[in-house]
Amino acid sequence: MEVGGLGAFPDLHRVQTIWVGLAGDLEKLDKLYKDIGANLTPLGHKPETRPFSPHLTIGRVRDFTRPEERAVLARMIQGAPFNVKYRVDVTAVDLMKSQLTPRGPIYTKLASVKLK
């Protein structure tokens, strides 16, 4: 995979989550994403309805953040010189549970699978 480029969800006008984009062999990543979703559905996991957007989350904005602070953050993201692609070899996939709490997220590793 290649890592590079900054962005925000849902968009730069309403920054909630700050991410770094992924590129490279996205066909394999998309297949892996679909296979994981298909295998988790019988276990009670609700399928994601949003389009798949390969990324690494690097930060979240708290709900109490003022709109003008979000605007400053959006300008910083837009102006960040992060156009260089960094290659990352992916050797395993960890299934993580992300529980958002008022004190911040709690991440729990549920499973790990090594890739061939």
PDB file of N, CA and C in Angstrom:
ATOM      1  N   MET A   1       0.847  -1.174   0.000  1.00  0.00           N
ATOM      2  CA  MET A   1       0.000   0.000   0.000  1.00  0.00           C
ATOM      3  C   MET A   1       0.891   1.236   0.000  1.00  0.00           C
ATOM      4  N   GLU A   2       0.317   2.312  -0.434  1.00  0.00           N
ATOM      5  CA  GLU A   2       0.974   3.608  -0.350  1.00  0.00           C
ATOM      6  C   GLU A   2       0.110   4.517   0.514  1.00  0.00           C
ATOM      7  N   VAL A   3       0.766   5.307   1.347  1.00  0.00           N
ATOM      8  CA  VAL A   3       0.075   6.225   2.245  1.00  0.00           C
ATOM      9  C   VAL A   3       0.435   7.639   1.829  1.00  0.00           C
ATOM     10  N   GLY A   4      -0.562   8.506   1.728  1.00  0.00           N
ATOM     11  CA  GLY A   4      -0.286   9.892   1.383  1.00  0.00           C
ATOM     12  C   GLY A   4      -1.554  10.679   1.161  1.00  0.00           C
ATOM     13  N   GLY A   5      -1.477  11.968   1.342  1.00  0.00           N
ATOM     14  CA  GLY A   5      -2.623  12.847   1.168  1.00  0.00           C
ATOM     15  C   GLY A   5      -3.473  12.911   2.421  1.00  0.00           C
ATOM     16  N   LEU A   6      -3.829  14.112   2.819  1.00  0.00           N
ATOM     17  CA  LEU A   6      -4.665  14.311   4.001  1.00  0.00           C
ATOM     18  C   LEU A   6      -6.070  14.690   3.592  1.00  0.00           C
ATOM     19  N   GLY A   7      -7.028  14.341   4.429  1.00  0.00           N
ATOM     20  CA  GLY A   7      -8.408  14.719   4.183  1.00  0.00           C
ATOM     21  C   GLY A   7      -9.205  14.620   5.457  1.00  0.00           C
ATOM     22  N   ALA A   8     -10.505  14.821   5.327  1.00  0.00           N
ATOM     23  CA  ALA A   8     -11.380  14.783   6.493  1.00  0.00           C
ATOM     24  C   ALA A   8     -12.734  14.203   6.113  1.00  0.00           C
ATOM     25  N   PHE A   9     -13.344  13.539   7.062  1.00  0.00           N
ATOM     26  CA  PHE A   9     -14.726  13.084   6.933  1.00  0.00           C
ATOM     27  C   PHE A   9     -15.592  13.942   7.831  1.00  0.00           C
ATOM     28  N   PRO A  10     -16.815  14.261   7.517  1.00  0.00           N
ATOM     29  CA  PRO A  10     -17.440  13.936   6.241  1.00  0.00           C
ATOM     30  C   PRO A  10     -16.893  14.767   5.086  1.00  0.00           C
ATOM     31  N   ASP A  11     -16.361  15.959   5.377  1.00  0.00           N
ATOM     32  CA  ASP A  11     -15.687  16.783   4.370  1.00  0.00           C
ATOM     33  C   ASP A  11     -14.965  17.917   5.092  1.00  0.00           C
ATOM     34  N   LEU A  12     -14.288  18.773   4.344  1.00  0.00           N
ATOM     35  CA  LEU A  12     -13.516  19.852   4.963  1.00  0.00           C
ATOM     36  C   LEU A  12     -14.391  20.981   5.510  1.00  0.00           C
ATOM     37  N   HIS A  13     -15.670  20.980   5.190  1.00  0.00           N
ATOM     38  CA  HIS A  13     -16.572  21.989   5.752  1.00  0.00           C
ATOM     39  C   HIS A  13     -17.095  21.574   7.123  1.00  0.00           C
ATOM     40  N   ARG A  14     -17.026  20.256   7.416  1.00  0.00           N
ATOM     41  CA  ARG A  14     -17.530  19.741   8.697  1.00  0.00           C
ATOM     42  C   ARG A  14     -16.552  18.694   9.230  1.00  0.00           C
ATOM     43  N   VAL A  15     -15.341  19.095   9.506  1.00  0.00           N
ATOM     44  CA  VAL A  15     -14.285  18.156   9.911  1.00  0.00           C
ATOM     45  C   VAL A  15     -14.686  17.413  11.181  1.00  0.00           C
ATOM     46  N   GLN A  16     -14.755  16.086  11.094  1.00  0.00           N
ATOM     47  CA  GLN A  16     -15.006  15.222  12.250  1.00  0.00           C
ATOM     48  C   GLN A  16     -13.837  14.250  12.452  1.00  0.00           C
ATOM     49  N   THR A  17     -13.395  13.677  11.325  1.00  0.00           N
ATOM     50  CA  THR A  17     -12.326  12.682  11.345  1.00  0.00           C
ATOM     51  C   THR A  17     -11.253  13.117  10.358  1.00  0.00           C
ATOM     52  N   ILE A  18      -9.992  13.068  10.793  1.00  0.00           N
ATOM     53  CA  ILE A  18      -8.863  13.425   9.929  1.00  0.00           C
ATOM     54  C   ILE A  18      -8.207  12.126   9.481  1.00  0.00           C
ATOM     55  N   TRP A  19      -7.945  12.017   8.180  1.00  0.00           N
ATOM     56  CA  TRP A  19      -7.405  10.774   7.655  1.00  0.00           C
ATOM     57  C   TRP A  19      -6.233  10.997   6.701  1.00  0.00           C
ATOM     58  N   VAL A  20      -5.480   9.918   6.516  1.00  0.00           N
ATOM     59  CA  VAL A  20      -4.435   9.831   5.500  1.00  0.00           C
ATOM     60  C   VAL A  20      -4.925   8.809   4.488  1.00  0.00           C
ATOM     61  N   GLY A  21      -4.857   9.152   3.220  1.00  0.00           N
ATOM     62  CA  GLY A  21      -5.366   8.273   2.172  1.00  0.00           C
ATOM     63  C   GLY A  21      -4.460   7.092   1.881  1.00  0.00           C
ATOM     64  N   LEU A  22      -5.071   6.042   1.317  1.00  0.00           N
ATOM     65  CA  LEU A  22      -4.333   4.851   0.897  1.00  0.00           C
ATOM     66  C   LEU A  22      -4.453   4.702  -0.611  1.00  0.00           C
ATOM     67  N   ALA A  23      -3.383   4.244  -1.220  1.00  0.00           N
ATOM     68  CA  ALA A  23      -3.353   3.961  -2.650  1.00  0.00           C
ATOM     69  C   ALA A  23      -2.573   2.663  -2.821  1.00  0.00           C
ATOM     70  N   GLY A  24      -2.402   2.240  -4.052  1.00  0.00           N
ATOM     71  CA  GLY A  24      -1.680   0.996  -4.308  1.00  0.00           C
ATOM     72  C   GLY A  24      -2.646  -0.033  -4.860  1.00  0.00           C
ATOM     73  N   ASP A  25      -2.513  -1.277  -4.416  1.00  0.00           N
ATOM     74  CA  ASP A  25      -3.348  -2.369  -4.917  1.00  0.00           C
ATOM     75  C   ASP A  25      -4.720  -2.327  -4.234  1.00  0.00           C
ATOM     76  N   LEU A  26      -5.536  -1.357  -4.638  1.00  0.00           N
ATOM     77  CA  LEU A  26      -6.831  -1.167  -3.993  1.00  0.00           C
ATOM     78  C   LEU A  26      -7.844  -2.235  -4.367  1.00  0.00           C
ATOM     79  N   GLU A  27      -7.629  -2.940  -5.488  1.00  0.00           N
ATOM     80  CA  GLU A  27      -8.539  -4.039  -5.847  1.00  0.00           C
ATOM     81  C   GLU A  27      -8.486  -5.136  -4.789  1.00  0.00           C
ATOM     82  N   LYS A  28      -7.277  -5.502  -4.378  1.00  0.00           N
ATOM     83  CA  LYS A  28      -7.140  -6.529  -3.341  1.00  0.00           C
ATOM     84  C   LYS A  28      -7.713  -6.043  -2.015  1.00  0.00           C
ATOM     85  N   LEU A  29      -7.475  -4.782  -1.696  1.00  0.00           N
ATOM     86  CA  LEU A  29      -7.990  -4.222  -0.451  1.00  0.00           C
ATOM     87  C   LEU A  29      -9.514  -4.197  -0.474  1.00  0.00           C
ATOM     88  N   ASP A  30     -10.110  -3.822  -1.602  1.00  0.00           N
ATOM     89  CA  ASP A  30     -11.562  -3.790  -1.724  1.00  0.00           C
ATOM     90  C   ASP A  30     -12.146  -5.198  -1.593  1.00  0.00           C
ATOM     91  N   LYS A  31     -11.498  -6.180  -2.197  1.00  0.00           N
ATOM     92  CA  LYS A  31     -11.967  -7.572  -2.076  1.00  0.00           C
ATOM     93  C   LYS A  31     -11.881  -8.033  -0.625  1.00  0.00           C
ATOM     94  N   LEU A  32     -10.784  -7.719   0.036  1.00  0.00           N
ATOM     95  CA  LEU A  32     -10.622  -8.081   1.434  1.00  0.00           C
ATOM     96  C   LEU A  32     -11.718  -7.428   2.282  1.00  0.00           C
ATOM     97  N   TYR A  33     -11.986  -6.155   2.040  1.00  0.00           N
ATOM     98  CA  TYR A  33     -13.031  -5.424   2.747  1.00  0.00           C
ATOM     99  C   TYR A  33     -14.389  -6.112   2.574  1.00  0.00           C
ATOM    100  N   LYS A  34     -14.724  -6.461   1.339  1.00  0.00           N
ATOM    101  CA  LYS A  34     -16.012  -7.122   1.061  1.00  0.00           C
ATOM    102  C   LYS A  34     -16.076  -8.506   1.691  1.00  0.00           C
ATOM    103  N   ASP A  35     -14.981  -9.261   1.620  1.00  0.00           N
ATOM    104  CA  ASP A  35     -14.955 -10.599   2.220  1.00  0.00           C
ATOM    105  C   ASP A  35     -15.137 -10.525   3.734  1.00  0.00           C
ATOM    106  N   ILE A  36     -14.465  -9.581   4.373  1.00  0.00           N
ATOM    107  CA  ILE A  36     -14.596  -9.426   5.830  1.00  0.00           C
ATOM    108  C   ILE A  36     -16.041  -9.064   6.177  1.00  0.00           C
ATOM    109  N   GLY A  37     -16.621  -8.119   5.449  1.00  0.00           N
ATOM    110  CA  GLY A  37     -18.009  -7.731   5.701  1.00  0.00           C
ATOM    111  C   GLY A  37     -18.975  -8.890   5.534  1.00  0.00           C
ATOM    112  N   ALA A  38     -18.784  -9.680   4.470  1.00  0.00           N
ATOM    113  CA  ALA A  38     -19.665 -10.820   4.221  1.00  0.00           C
ATOM    114  C   ALA A  38     -19.561 -11.860   5.330  1.00  0.00           C
ATOM    115  N   ASN A  39     -18.363 -12.037   5.875  1.00  0.00           N
ATOM    116  CA  ASN A  39     -18.179 -13.027   6.932  1.00  0.00           C
ATOM    117  C   ASN A  39     -18.636 -12.529   8.302  1.00  0.00           C
ATOM    118  N   LEU A  40     -18.682 -11.216   8.490  1.00  0.00           N
ATOM    119  CA  LEU A  40     -19.130 -10.674   9.771  1.00  0.00           C
ATOM    120  C   LEU A  40     -20.649 -10.520   9.858  1.00  0.00           C
ATOM    121  N   THR A  41     -21.320 -10.403   8.719  1.00  0.00           N
ATOM    122  CA  THR A  41     -22.772 -10.216   8.714  1.00  0.00           C
ATOM    123  C   THR A  41     -23.506 -11.337   9.451  1.00  0.00           C
ATOM    124  N   PRO A  42     -23.170 -12.619   9.224  1.00  0.00           N
ATOM    125  CA  PRO A  42     -23.869 -13.681   9.965  1.00  0.00           C
ATOM    126  C   PRO A  42     -23.614 -13.629  11.482  1.00  0.00           C
ATOM    127  N   LEU A  43     -22.585 -12.909  11.889  1.00  0.00           N
ATOM    128  CA  LEU A  43     -22.263 -12.795  13.313  1.00  0.00           C
ATOM    129  C   LEU A  43     -22.967 -11.604  13.965  1.00  0.00           C
ATOM    130  N   GLY A  44     -23.818 -10.903  13.193  1.00  0.00           N
ATOM    131  CA  GLY A  44     -24.568  -9.791  13.744  1.00  0.00           C
ATOM    132  C   GLY A  44     -24.015  -8.418  13.424  1.00  0.00           C
ATOM    133  N   HIS A  45     -22.906  -8.341  12.688  1.00  0.00           N
ATOM    134  CA  HIS A  45     -22.344  -7.039  12.316  1.00  0.00           C
ATOM    135  C   HIS A  45     -23.168  -6.453  11.181  1.00  0.00           C
ATOM    136  N   LYS A  46     -23.595  -5.212  11.345  1.00  0.00           N
ATOM    137  CA  LYS A  46     -24.384  -4.558  10.305  1.00  0.00           C
ATOM    138  C   LYS A  46     -23.474  -4.118   9.169  1.00  0.00           C
ATOM    139  N   PRO A  47     -23.853  -4.414   7.920  1.00  0.00           N
ATOM    140  CA  PRO A  47     -23.026  -3.993   6.779  1.00  0.00           C
ATOM    141  C   PRO A  47     -22.936  -2.473   6.691  1.00  0.00           C
ATOM    142  N   GLU A  48     -21.790  -1.991   6.271  1.00  0.00           N
ATOM    143  CA  GLU A  48     -21.554  -0.559   6.072  1.00  0.00           C
ATOM    144  C   GLU A  48     -22.322  -0.112   4.842  1.00  0.00           C
ATOM    145  N   THR A  49     -23.021   1.011   4.936  1.00  0.00           N
ATOM    146  CA  THR A  49     -23.794   1.514   3.800  1.00  0.00           C
ATOM    147  C   THR A  49     -23.045   2.585   3.024  1.00  0.00           C
ATOM    148  N   ARG A  50     -22.038   3.179   3.646  1.00  0.00           N
ATOM    149  CA  ARG A  50     -21.254   4.212   2.953  1.00  0.00           C
ATOM    150  C   ARG A  50     -20.273   3.550   1.989  1.00  0.00           C
ATOM    151  N   PRO A  51     -19.877   4.265   0.925  1.00  0.00           N
ATOM    152  CA  PRO A  51     -18.889   3.699  -0.001  1.00  0.00           C
ATOM    153  C   PRO A  51     -17.548   3.459   0.708  1.00  0.00           C
ATOM    154  N   PHE A  52     -16.847   2.429   0.286  1.00  0.00           N
ATOM    155  CA  PHE A  52     -15.540   2.097   0.854  1.00  0.00           C
ATOM    156  C   PHE A  52     -14.561   3.198   0.489  1.00  0.00           C
ATOM    157  N   SER A  53     -13.878   3.729   1.493  1.00  0.00           N
ATOM    158  CA  SER A  53     -12.916   4.809   1.304  1.00  0.00           C
ATOM    159  C   SER A  53     -11.633   4.428   2.039  1.00  0.00           C
ATOM    160  N   PRO A  54     -10.669   3.794   1.345  1.00  0.00           N
ATOM    161  CA  PRO A  54      -9.455   3.322   2.016  1.00  0.00           C
ATOM    162  C   PRO A  54      -8.673   4.469   2.645  1.00  0.00           C
ATOM    163  N   HIS A  55      -8.454   4.380   3.953  1.00  0.00           N
ATOM    164  CA  HIS A  55      -7.774   5.448   4.682  1.00  0.00           C
ATOM    165  C   HIS A  55      -7.260   4.920   6.019  1.00  0.00           C
ATOM    166  N   LEU A  56      -6.425   5.715   6.644  1.00  0.00           N
ATOM    167  CA  LEU A  56      -6.005   5.494   8.020  1.00  0.00           C
ATOM    168  C   LEU A  56      -6.459   6.701   8.815  1.00  0.00           C
ATOM    169  N   THR A  57      -7.250   6.472   9.847  1.00  0.00           N
ATOM    170  CA  THR A  57      -7.701   7.569  10.698  1.00  0.00           C
ATOM    171  C   THR A  57      -6.537   8.009  11.577  1.00  0.00           C
ATOM    172  N   ILE A  58      -6.256   9.300  11.564  1.00  0.00           N
ATOM    173  CA  ILE A  58      -5.157   9.807  12.404  1.00  0.00           C
ATOM    174  C   ILE A  58      -5.651  10.746  13.495  1.00  0.00           C
ATOM    175  N   GLY A  59      -6.933  11.113  13.451  1.00  0.00           N
ATOM    176  CA  GLY A  59      -7.447  11.979  14.503  1.00  0.00           C
ATOM    177  C   GLY A  59      -8.943  12.175  14.395  1.00  0.00           C
ATOM    178  N   ARG A  60      -9.526  12.525  15.518  1.00  0.00           N
ATOM    179  CA  ARG A  60     -10.955  12.841  15.572  1.00  0.00           C
ATOM    180  C   ARG A  60     -11.126  14.187  16.261  1.00  0.00           C
ATOM    181  N   VAL A  61     -12.156  14.910  15.842  1.00  0.00           N
ATOM    182  CA  VAL A  61     -12.456  16.217  16.411  1.00  0.00           C
ATOM    183  C   VAL A  61     -13.593  16.032  17.408  1.00  0.00           C
ATOM    184  N   ARG A  62     -13.411  16.574  18.585  1.00  0.00           N
ATOM    185  CA  ARG A  62     -14.428  16.448  19.637  1.00  0.00           C
ATOM    186  C   ARG A  62     -15.702  17.188  19.250  1.00  0.00           C
ATOM    187  N   ASP A  63     -16.838  16.702  19.735  1.00  0.00           N
ATOM    188  CA  ASP A  63     -18.136  17.296  19.409  1.00  0.00           C
ATOM    189  C   ASP A  63     -18.240  18.749  19.845  1.00  0.00           C
ATOM    190  N   PHE A  64     -17.563  19.110  20.933  1.00  0.00           N
ATOM    191  CA  PHE A  64     -17.688  20.477  21.446  1.00  0.00           C
ATOM    192  C   PHE A  64     -16.776  21.478  20.736  1.00  0.00           C
ATOM    193  N   THR A  65     -16.044  21.049  19.711  1.00  0.00           N
ATOM    194  CA  THR A  65     -15.158  21.943  18.971  1.00  0.00           C
ATOM    195  C   THR A  65     -15.986  22.987  18.213  1.00  0.00           C
ATOM    196  N   ARG A  66     -15.602  24.244  18.359  1.00  0.00           N
ATOM    197  CA  ARG A  66     -16.336  25.346  17.738  1.00  0.00           C
ATOM    198  C   ARG A  66     -16.141  25.355  16.209  1.00  0.00           C
ATOM    199  N   PRO A  67     -17.130  25.854  15.468  1.00  0.00           N
ATOM    200  CA  PRO A  67     -17.030  25.895  14.006  1.00  0.00           C
ATOM    201  C   PRO A  67     -15.785  26.633  13.506  1.00  0.00           C
ATOM    202  N   GLU A  68     -15.416  27.736  14.177  1.00  0.00           N
ATOM    203  CA  GLU A  68     -14.226  28.477  13.715  1.00  0.00           C
ATOM    204  C   GLU A  68     -12.954  27.661  13.925  1.00  0.00           C
ATOM    205  N   GLU A  69     -12.921  26.823  14.955  1.00  0.00           N
ATOM    206  CA  GLU A  69     -11.761  25.944  15.170  1.00  0.00           C
ATOM    207  C   GLU A  69     -11.714  24.862  14.094  1.00  0.00           C
ATOM    208  N   ARG A  70     -12.871  24.346  13.709  1.00  0.00           N
ATOM    209  CA  ARG A  70     -12.927  23.356  12.626  1.00  0.00           C
ATOM    210  C   ARG A  70     -12.460  23.973  11.308  1.00  0.00           C
ATOM    211  N   ALA A  71     -12.826  25.242  11.079  1.00  0.00           N
ATOM    212  CA  ALA A  71     -12.414  25.935   9.850  1.00  0.00           C
ATOM    213  C   ALA A  71     -10.896  26.093   9.807  1.00  0.00           C
ATOM    214  N   VAL A  72     -10.284  26.430  10.938  1.00  0.00           N
ATOM    215  CA  VAL A  72      -8.818  26.548  10.999  1.00  0.00           C
ATOM    216  C   VAL A  72      -8.191  25.188  10.708  1.00  0.00           C
ATOM    217  N   LEU A  73      -8.725  24.148  11.290  1.00  0.00           N
ATOM    218  CA  LEU A  73      -8.207  22.794  11.058  1.00  0.00           C
ATOM    219  C   LEU A  73      -8.347  22.410   9.588  1.00  0.00           C
ATOM    220  N   ALA A  74      -9.466  22.737   8.977  1.00  0.00           N
ATOM    221  CA  ALA A  74      -9.671  22.437   7.554  1.00  0.00           C
ATOM    222  C   ALA A  74      -8.624  23.142   6.695  1.00  0.00           C
ATOM    223  N   ARG A  75      -8.326  24.402   7.003  1.00  0.00           N
ATOM    224  CA  ARG A  75      -7.300  25.135   6.239  1.00  0.00           C
ATOM    225  C   ARG A  75      -5.924  24.498   6.431  1.00  0.00           C
ATOM    226  N   MET A  76      -5.653  24.036   7.639  1.00  0.00           N
ATOM    227  CA  MET A  76      -4.366  23.375   7.897  1.00  0.00           C
ATOM    228  C   MET A  76      -4.256  22.073   7.100  1.00  0.00           C
ATOM    229  N   ILE A  77      -5.348  21.316   7.035  1.00  0.00           N
ATOM    230  CA  ILE A  77      -5.356  20.059   6.277  1.00  0.00           C
ATOM    231  C   ILE A  77      -5.141  20.359   4.800  1.00  0.00           C
ATOM    232  N   GLN A  78      -5.856  21.356   4.280  1.00  0.00           N
ATOM    233  CA  GLN A  78      -5.725  21.710   2.861  1.00  0.00           C
ATOM    234  C   GLN A  78      -4.314  22.176   2.521  1.00  0.00           C
ATOM    235  N   GLY A  79      -3.678  22.883   3.441  1.00  0.00           N
ATOM    236  CA  GLY A  79      -2.356  23.447   3.167  1.00  0.00           C
ATOM    237  C   GLY A  79      -1.197  22.546   3.529  1.00  0.00           C
ATOM    238  N   ALA A  80      -1.487  21.378   4.093  1.00  0.00           N
ATOM    239  CA  ALA A  80      -0.410  20.481   4.520  1.00  0.00           C
ATOM    240  C   ALA A  80       0.304  19.891   3.304  1.00  0.00           C
ATOM    241  N   PRO A  81       1.622  20.014   3.250  1.00  0.00           N
ATOM    242  CA  PRO A  81       2.392  19.490   2.114  1.00  0.00           C
ATOM    243  C   PRO A  81       2.629  17.983   2.262  1.00  0.00           C
ATOM    244  N   PHE A  82       1.584  17.199   2.062  1.00  0.00           N
ATOM    245  CA  PHE A  82       1.687  15.755   2.252  1.00  0.00           C
ATOM    246  C   PHE A  82       1.330  15.054   0.945  1.00  0.00           C
ATOM    247  N   ASN A  83       2.062  15.385  -0.117  1.00  0.00           N
ATOM    248  CA  ASN A  83       1.805  14.803  -1.425  1.00  0.00           C
ATOM    249  C   ASN A  83       2.705  13.615  -1.723  1.00  0.00           C
ATOM    250  N   VAL A  84       3.727  13.416  -0.922  1.00  0.00           N
ATOM    251  CA  VAL A  84       4.650  12.307  -1.127  1.00  0.00           C
ATOM    252  C   VAL A  84       3.960  11.011  -0.705  1.00  0.00           C
ATOM    253  N   LYS A  85       4.167   9.972  -1.487  1.00  0.00           N
ATOM    254  CA  LYS A  85       3.588   8.672  -1.168  1.00  0.00           C
ATOM    255  C   LYS A  85       4.617   7.855  -0.394  1.00  0.00           C
ATOM    256  N   TYR A  86       4.186   7.267   0.685  1.00  0.00           N
ATOM    257  CA  TYR A  86       5.033   6.402   1.494  1.00  0.00           C
ATOM    258  C   TYR A  86       4.562   4.970   1.323  1.00  0.00           C
ATOM    259  N   ARG A  87       5.474   4.084   0.959  1.00  0.00           N
ATOM    260  CA  ARG A  87       5.129   2.678   0.752  1.00  0.00           C
ATOM    261  C   ARG A  87       5.131   1.957   2.094  1.00  0.00           C
ATOM    262  N   VAL A  88       4.081   1.145   2.300  1.00  0.00           N
ATOM    263  CA  VAL A  88       3.942   0.357   3.517  1.00  0.00           C
ATOM    264  C   VAL A  88       3.599  -1.069   3.114  1.00  0.00           C
ATOM    265  N   ASP A  89       4.402  -2.033   3.553  1.00  0.00           N
ATOM    266  CA  ASP A  89       4.091  -3.435   3.288  1.00  0.00           C
ATOM    267  C   ASP A  89       3.096  -3.920   4.337  1.00  0.00           C
ATOM    268  N   VAL A  90       1.962  -4.428   3.871  1.00  0.00           N
ATOM    269  CA  VAL A  90       0.916  -4.908   4.766  1.00  0.00           C
ATOM    270  C   VAL A  90       1.071  -6.413   4.893  1.00  0.00           C
ATOM    271  N   THR A  91       1.317  -6.885   6.107  1.00  0.00           N
ATOM    272  CA  THR A  91       1.544  -8.314   6.325  1.00  0.00           C
ATOM    273  C   THR A  91       0.457  -8.969   7.168  1.00  0.00           C
ATOM    274  N   ALA A  92      -0.430  -8.165   7.744  1.00  0.00           N
ATOM    275  CA  ALA A  92      -1.506  -8.718   8.565  1.00  0.00           C
ATOM    276  C   ALA A  92      -2.665  -7.731   8.596  1.00  0.00           C
ATOM    277  N   VAL A  93      -3.826  -8.262   8.949  1.00  0.00           N
ATOM    278  CA  VAL A  93      -5.015  -7.444   9.124  1.00  0.00           C
ATOM    279  C   VAL A  93      -5.527  -7.689  10.529  1.00  0.00           C
ATOM    280  N   ASP A  94      -5.736  -6.607  11.269  1.00  0.00           N
ATOM    281  CA  ASP A  94      -6.298  -6.702  12.615  1.00  0.00           C
ATOM    282  C   ASP A  94      -7.738  -6.219  12.571  1.00  0.00           C
ATOM    283  N   LEU A  95      -8.633  -7.001  13.152  1.00  0.00           N
ATOM    284  CA  LEU A  95     -10.017  -6.592  13.290  1.00  0.00           C
ATOM    285  C   LEU A  95     -10.131  -5.875  14.623  1.00  0.00           C
ATOM    286  N   MET A  96     -10.493  -4.588  14.556  1.00  0.00           N
ATOM    287  CA  MET A  96     -10.511  -3.753  15.746  1.00  0.00           C
ATOM    288  C   MET A  96     -11.930  -3.303  16.065  1.00  0.00           C
ATOM    289  N   LYS A  97     -12.205  -3.205  17.341  1.00  0.00           N
ATOM    290  CA  LYS A  97     -13.440  -2.600  17.817  1.00  0.00           C
ATOM    291  C   LYS A  97     -13.096  -1.188  18.254  1.00  0.00           C
ATOM    292  N   SER A  98     -13.849  -0.212  17.769  1.00  0.00           N
ATOM    293  CA  SER A  98     -13.627   1.184  18.118  1.00  0.00           C
ATOM    294  C   SER A  98     -14.843   1.663  18.895  1.00  0.00           C
ATOM    295  N   GLN A  99     -14.648   1.938  20.166  1.00  0.00           N
ATOM    296  CA  GLN A  99     -15.736   2.412  21.018  1.00  0.00           C
ATOM    297  C   GLN A  99     -15.458   3.868  21.374  1.00  0.00           C
ATOM    298  N   LEU A 100     -16.302   4.763  20.864  1.00  0.00           N
ATOM    299  CA  LEU A 100     -16.114   6.183  21.127  1.00  0.00           C
ATOM    300  C   LEU A 100     -16.755   6.523  22.469  1.00  0.00           C
ATOM    301  N   THR A 101     -15.967   7.161  23.323  1.00  0.00           N
ATOM    302  CA  THR A 101     -16.446   7.555  24.646  1.00  0.00           C
ATOM    303  C   THR A 101     -16.170   9.042  24.837  1.00  0.00           C
ATOM    304  N   PRO A 102     -16.780   9.676  25.839  1.00  0.00           N
ATOM    305  CA  PRO A 102     -16.507  11.097  26.095  1.00  0.00           C
ATOM    306  C   PRO A 102     -15.030  11.380  26.384  1.00  0.00           C
ATOM    307  N   ARG A 103     -14.321  10.397  26.887  1.00  0.00           N
ATOM    308  CA  ARG A 103     -12.888  10.579  27.188  1.00  0.00           C
ATOM    309  C   ARG A 103     -11.983  10.252  26.008  1.00  0.00           C
ATOM    310  N   GLY A 104     -12.565   9.816  24.916  1.00  0.00           N
ATOM    311  CA  GLY A 104     -11.789   9.430  23.745  1.00  0.00           C
ATOM    312  C   GLY A 104     -12.087   7.999  23.355  1.00  0.00           C
ATOM    313  N   PRO A 105     -11.588   7.581  22.194  1.00  0.00           N
ATOM    314  CA  PRO A 105     -11.889   6.232  21.718  1.00  0.00           C
ATOM    315  C   PRO A 105     -11.137   5.160  22.502  1.00  0.00           C
ATOM    316  N   ILE A 106     -11.776   4.003  22.581  1.00  0.00           N
ATOM    317  CA  ILE A 106     -11.138   2.818  23.164  1.00  0.00           C
ATOM    318  C   ILE A 106     -11.062   1.787  22.046  1.00  0.00           C
ATOM    319  N   TYR A 107      -9.844   1.337  21.746  1.00  0.00           N
ATOM    320  CA  TYR A 107      -9.632   0.369  20.678  1.00  0.00           C
ATOM    321  C   TYR A 107      -9.310  -0.989  21.283  1.00  0.00           C
ATOM    322  N   THR A 108      -9.985  -2.019  20.783  1.00  0.00           N
ATOM    323  CA  THR A 108      -9.771  -3.381  21.242  1.00  0.00           C
ATOM    324  C   THR A 108      -9.525  -4.272  20.027  1.00  0.00           C
ATOM    325  N   LYS A 109      -8.425  -5.013  20.028  1.00  0.00           N
ATOM    326  CA  LYS A 109      -8.148  -5.940  18.944  1.00  0.00           C
ATOM    327  C   LYS A 109      -8.990  -7.195  19.166  1.00  0.00           C
ATOM    328  N   LEU A 110      -9.829  -7.530  18.170  1.00  0.00           N
ATOM    329  CA  LEU A 110     -10.696  -8.698  18.259  1.00  0.00           C
ATOM    330  C   LEU A 110     -10.079  -9.923  17.600  1.00  0.00           C
ATOM    331  N   ALA A 111      -9.301  -9.702  16.542  1.00  0.00           N
ATOM    332  CA  ALA A 111      -8.674 -10.810  15.819  1.00  0.00           C
ATOM    333  C   ALA A 111      -7.545 -10.273  14.951  1.00  0.00           C
ATOM    334  N   SER A 112      -6.629 -11.138  14.588  1.00  0.00           N
ATOM    335  CA  SER A 112      -5.533 -10.772  13.711  1.00  0.00           C
ATOM    336  C   SER A 112      -5.290 -11.916  12.736  1.00  0.00           C
ATOM    337  N   VAL A 113      -5.096 -11.569  11.458  1.00  0.00           N
ATOM    338  CA  VAL A 113      -4.844 -12.571  10.432  1.00  0.00           C
ATOM    339  C   VAL A 113      -3.635 -12.144   9.621  1.00  0.00           C
ATOM    340  N   LYS A 114      -2.658 -13.036   9.519  1.00  0.00           N
ATOM    341  CA  LYS A 114      -1.475 -12.758   8.701  1.00  0.00           C
ATOM    342  C   LYS A 114      -1.840 -12.961   7.227  1.00  0.00           C
ATOM    343  N   LEU A 115      -1.306 -12.100   6.372  1.00  0.00           N
ATOM    344  CA  LEU A 115      -1.546 -12.204   4.939  1.00  0.00           C
ATOM    345  C   LEU A 115      -0.402 -12.952   4.275  1.00  0.00           C
ATOM    346  N   LYS A 116      -0.737 -13.652   3.219  1.00  0.00           N
ATOM    347  CA  LYS A 116       0.293 -14.413   2.488  1.00  0.00           C
ATOM    348  C   LYS A 116       0.918 -13.554   1.424  1.00  0.00           C
TER     349      LYS A 116
END
